[in-house]
Amino acid sequence: MNHITIWRLDAPLVLASKSAARRQLLGSCGLPFEARAVDVDEREIEREHLIGGGAVSELPLLLARAKALSASQQHANRLCLGADQILTLDGRVLHKAETPAEAGQRLAQLSGRNHVLTSAFALAKDGRVLAEGEETAELTMRSLTRAQIESYLALAGPDVLSSVGVYQLEGLGIHLFERIMGSHATILGLPLLAVLRALREYGALCL
C-alpha cells in the first residue's frame, strides 16, 4: 500500500465551508481535509461593513477571514481554511436567488452583460489569520431570450439556486456564456493556486 502523502501536518485541513465545489477542488489535488460549516452571519457582516462605509471590494476577504477565524476558535491547534465569493454587476453585490422566479430574474439581469466573480480565502490557526488572498474572474453572458432562460432553468433544475449567478459552469451553465476570463477554480469559489501557495509557504505541503 502506498502511504506517501503531500500533506506534512499531523491533522487534516479544516475547511470552513459546506460548498460541494470547494470540497471537490481540495479533494482533486490530494489535500486531506474535514469540511466543517461555521455559524457566520454573512449578510449581517456585509450590512455592517457597507453601512460603516466599507468598500464592496473588501467583502470577500472580510467574509473569508470571519469563517476561518470562527473555525479556528472551534478547532484548537488546527489549520483552518475560510473562503467566500461574491458576484458584482456594475459594482453592486448580487446574492443567491431563493426561488425559480428570482433565478429567472437574475439571468435576465445578467443577460448580455459582463459580471465579476471574486473568490477569497483566509488561513487561520488558533484565532490568528496566517495568510489570505483573492482572485477575480470576468464573465460575459450571452444575450438570452425569455424562452432560453425558461428552457435552461427547466433543464438545470433546483441546483441553480445554490449558485449566486444561477449557473454552474461545470454543467449546463457553460451554455450561457460568450466569454470567460479567469481560472476555473476561482469561478467555482476558491482561488486554488493562491491557497496552495500559502500552504507551501506555511510548510504544510511537501510538493
Protein backbone atom coordinates (compact mmCIF):
# COMPACT_ATOMS: atom_id res chain seq x y z
CA MET A 1 0.00 0.00 0.00
CA ASN A 2 1.25 3.49 -0.90
CA HIS A 3 1.39 5.72 2.21
CA ILE A 4 3.08 8.69 0.51
CA THR A 5 1.19 11.93 1.03
CA ILE A 6 1.78 15.55 0.10
CA TRP A 7 0.46 16.70 3.50
CA ARG A 8 3.01 17.37 6.22
CA LEU A 9 0.75 18.28 9.15
CA ASP A 10 -0.49 15.76 11.69
CA ALA A 11 -4.17 16.72 11.29
CA PRO A 12 -6.13 17.41 8.09
CA LEU A 13 -7.01 20.90 6.98
CA VAL A 14 -10.34 22.19 8.33
CA LEU A 15 -12.48 23.61 5.52
CA ALA A 16 -14.94 26.12 6.98
CA SER A 17 -17.49 25.60 4.22
CA LYS A 18 -20.29 23.29 3.13
CA SER A 19 -19.67 24.04 -0.56
CA ALA A 20 -19.55 20.90 -2.68
CA ALA A 21 -17.43 22.71 -5.28
CA ARG A 22 -14.78 23.66 -2.72
CA ARG A 23 -14.72 20.14 -1.34
CA GLN A 24 -14.20 18.78 -4.85
CA LEU A 25 -11.38 21.24 -5.59
CA LEU A 26 -9.45 20.36 -2.44
CA GLY A 27 -10.02 16.65 -2.92
CA SER A 28 -8.92 16.73 -6.55
CA CYS A 29 -5.46 18.00 -5.62
CA GLY A 30 -4.92 15.43 -2.90
CA LEU A 31 -5.37 17.57 0.20
CA PRO A 32 -6.69 15.83 3.31
CA PHE A 33 -9.44 17.95 4.84
CA GLU A 34 -12.53 17.91 7.02
CA ALA A 35 -15.45 20.11 5.98
CA ARG A 36 -16.92 21.93 8.98
CA ALA A 37 -19.62 24.54 8.38
CA VAL A 38 -19.38 27.57 10.68
CA ASP A 39 -22.08 29.81 12.12
CA VAL A 40 -21.22 33.12 10.46
CA ASP A 41 -23.97 35.61 9.59
CA GLU A 42 -22.64 36.71 6.22
CA ARG A 43 -25.44 39.14 5.44
CA GLU A 44 -25.07 40.88 8.81
CA ILE A 45 -21.29 41.21 8.37
CA GLU A 46 -21.89 42.60 4.88
CA ARG A 47 -24.56 45.03 6.11
CA GLU A 48 -22.40 46.41 8.94
CA HIS A 49 -19.39 46.71 6.62
CA LEU A 50 -21.26 48.66 3.96
CA ILE A 51 -23.15 50.87 6.43
CA GLY A 52 -19.81 51.72 8.01
CA GLY A 53 -18.52 52.94 4.66
CA GLY A 54 -16.53 49.84 3.75
CA ALA A 55 -15.90 49.06 0.10
CA VAL A 56 -17.69 46.29 -1.75
CA SER A 57 -14.30 45.06 -2.95
CA GLU A 58 -13.29 44.30 0.65
CA LEU A 59 -16.20 41.93 1.30
CA PRO A 60 -14.79 38.60 0.03
CA LEU A 61 -11.68 38.77 2.21
CA LEU A 62 -13.67 40.06 5.17
CA LEU A 63 -16.05 37.10 4.99
CA ALA A 64 -13.29 34.56 4.33
CA ARG A 65 -11.44 35.82 7.41
CA ALA A 66 -14.57 35.60 9.55
CA LYS A 67 -15.13 31.97 8.52
CA ALA A 68 -11.51 30.93 9.01
CA LEU A 69 -11.31 32.58 12.44
CA SER A 70 -14.61 31.07 13.55
CA ALA A 71 -13.40 27.60 12.57
CA SER A 72 -10.03 28.11 14.25
CA GLN A 73 -11.75 29.01 17.51
CA GLN A 74 -13.70 25.76 17.38
CA HIS A 75 -10.75 23.56 16.35
CA ALA A 76 -7.73 24.26 18.53
CA ASN A 77 -4.28 23.85 17.01
CA ARG A 78 -5.76 23.11 13.56
CA LEU A 79 -5.08 24.91 10.30
CA CYS A 80 -8.43 26.25 9.05
CA LEU A 81 -9.42 27.49 5.60
CA GLY A 82 -12.22 30.00 5.12
CA ALA A 83 -13.43 31.06 1.69
CA ASP A 84 -16.05 33.33 0.19
CA GLN A 85 -17.18 34.51 -3.20
CA ILE A 86 -19.20 37.49 -4.32
CA LEU A 87 -20.71 38.37 -7.67
CA THR A 88 -20.75 42.03 -8.65
CA LEU A 89 -22.63 43.64 -11.50
CA ASP A 90 -21.74 47.28 -12.13
CA GLY A 91 -20.09 47.34 -8.70
CA ARG A 92 -23.19 46.07 -6.87
CA VAL A 93 -23.28 42.79 -4.96
CA LEU A 94 -25.87 40.23 -6.06
CA HIS A 95 -26.95 37.38 -3.78
CA LYS A 96 -28.30 33.90 -4.42
CA ALA A 97 -31.80 33.60 -5.83
CA GLU A 98 -34.21 31.96 -3.40
CA THR A 99 -36.91 30.86 -5.85
CA PRO A 100 -37.08 29.78 -9.52
CA ALA A 101 -38.82 33.06 -10.30
CA GLU A 102 -35.92 35.01 -8.79
CA ALA A 103 -33.49 32.79 -10.71
CA GLY A 104 -35.18 33.80 -13.96
CA GLN A 105 -34.97 37.47 -13.00
CA ARG A 106 -31.29 37.07 -12.17
CA LEU A 107 -30.49 35.55 -15.57
CA ALA A 108 -32.42 38.34 -17.31
CA GLN A 109 -30.36 40.81 -15.28
CA LEU A 110 -27.05 39.21 -16.30
CA SER A 111 -28.06 38.53 -19.90
CA GLY A 112 -25.77 40.20 -22.45
CA ARG A 113 -23.61 41.79 -19.77
CA ASN A 114 -20.27 41.39 -18.00
CA HIS A 115 -20.11 40.49 -14.33
CA VAL A 116 -17.25 39.76 -11.95
CA LEU A 117 -16.74 36.89 -9.53
CA THR A 118 -14.26 37.49 -6.72
CA SER A 119 -13.16 34.49 -4.66
CA ALA A 120 -11.16 34.98 -1.48
CA PHE A 121 -9.54 32.71 1.12
CA ALA A 122 -8.00 33.01 4.55
CA LEU A 123 -5.92 30.52 6.52
CA ALA A 124 -6.17 30.77 10.30
CA LYS A 125 -4.95 28.89 13.34
CA ASP A 126 -5.85 29.44 16.99
CA GLY A 127 -7.65 32.72 16.31
CA ARG A 128 -4.97 34.26 14.10
CA VAL A 129 -5.01 34.78 10.32
CA LEU A 130 -1.83 33.39 8.79
CA ALA A 131 -2.41 34.08 5.10
CA GLU A 132 -5.09 35.39 2.79
CA GLY A 133 -5.66 36.27 -0.84
CA GLU A 134 -8.19 36.63 -3.61
CA GLU A 135 -8.62 36.29 -7.37
CA THR A 136 -11.21 37.58 -9.81
CA ALA A 137 -12.85 36.26 -12.95
CA GLU A 138 -14.82 38.25 -15.53
CA LEU A 139 -17.65 36.55 -17.36
CA THR A 140 -19.75 37.71 -20.30
CA MET A 141 -23.16 36.12 -20.56
CA ARG A 142 -24.90 35.65 -23.90
CA SER A 143 -27.98 37.71 -24.67
CA LEU A 144 -30.72 35.32 -23.65
CA THR A 145 -34.36 35.30 -24.68
CA ARG A 146 -37.11 34.59 -22.17
CA ALA A 147 -37.65 31.21 -23.82
CA GLN A 148 -33.95 30.33 -23.49
CA ILE A 149 -33.95 31.31 -19.82
CA GLU A 150 -37.02 29.19 -19.15
CA SER A 151 -35.52 26.23 -21.01
CA TYR A 152 -32.25 26.47 -19.10
CA LEU A 153 -33.98 26.65 -15.71
CA ALA A 154 -36.17 23.66 -16.58
CA LEU A 155 -33.15 21.61 -17.66
CA ALA A 156 -30.83 22.64 -14.83
CA GLY A 157 -33.39 22.15 -12.06
CA PRO A 158 -33.21 23.38 -8.44
CA ASP A 159 -29.40 23.17 -8.30
CA VAL A 160 -29.27 26.64 -9.86
CA LEU A 161 -30.34 28.09 -6.52
CA SER A 162 -27.02 27.00 -4.98
CA SER A 163 -25.07 29.42 -7.19
CA VAL A 164 -25.14 33.19 -6.88
CA GLY A 165 -25.11 33.54 -10.66
CA VAL A 166 -27.78 30.86 -11.17
CA TYR A 167 -25.33 28.79 -13.18
CA GLN A 168 -22.80 26.02 -12.72
CA LEU A 169 -20.07 26.18 -15.33
CA GLU A 170 -19.15 22.55 -14.75
CA GLY A 171 -22.62 21.66 -16.06
CA LEU A 172 -25.30 23.18 -18.26
CA GLY A 173 -24.34 26.70 -17.17
CA ILE A 174 -21.49 26.75 -19.68
CA HIS A 175 -24.07 27.20 -22.44
CA LEU A 176 -24.96 30.65 -21.10
CA PHE A 177 -21.62 32.31 -21.82
CA GLU A 178 -19.82 34.05 -24.66
CA ARG A 179 -16.53 34.74 -22.86
CA ILE A 180 -14.84 33.74 -19.62
CA MET A 181 -11.62 35.26 -18.25
CA GLY A 182 -10.26 33.71 -15.08
CA SER A 183 -9.40 30.36 -13.55
CA HIS A 184 -11.98 27.61 -13.28
CA ALA A 185 -11.29 27.20 -9.56
CA THR A 186 -11.84 30.89 -8.90
CA ILE A 187 -15.18 30.70 -10.70
CA LEU A 188 -16.14 27.71 -8.55
CA GLY A 189 -15.41 29.70 -5.40
CA LEU A 190 -11.81 29.07 -4.35
CA PRO A 191 -8.58 30.73 -5.61
CA LEU A 192 -6.88 27.35 -5.51
CA LEU A 193 -3.41 28.29 -6.75
CA ALA A 194 -3.17 31.04 -4.14
CA VAL A 195 -4.34 28.61 -1.44
CA LEU A 196 -1.73 26.03 -2.46
CA ARG A 197 0.99 28.69 -2.50
CA ALA A 198 0.03 29.77 1.02
CA LEU A 199 0.04 26.16 2.24
CA ARG A 200 3.51 25.61 0.79
CA GLU A 201 4.79 28.78 2.46
CA TYR A 202 3.34 27.60 5.76
CA GLY A 203 5.12 24.28 5.34
CA ALA A 204 2.00 22.12 5.04
CA LEU A 205 2.92 20.63 1.65
CA CYS A 206 5.91 18.63 0.52
CA LEU A 207 5.16 19.11 -3.20
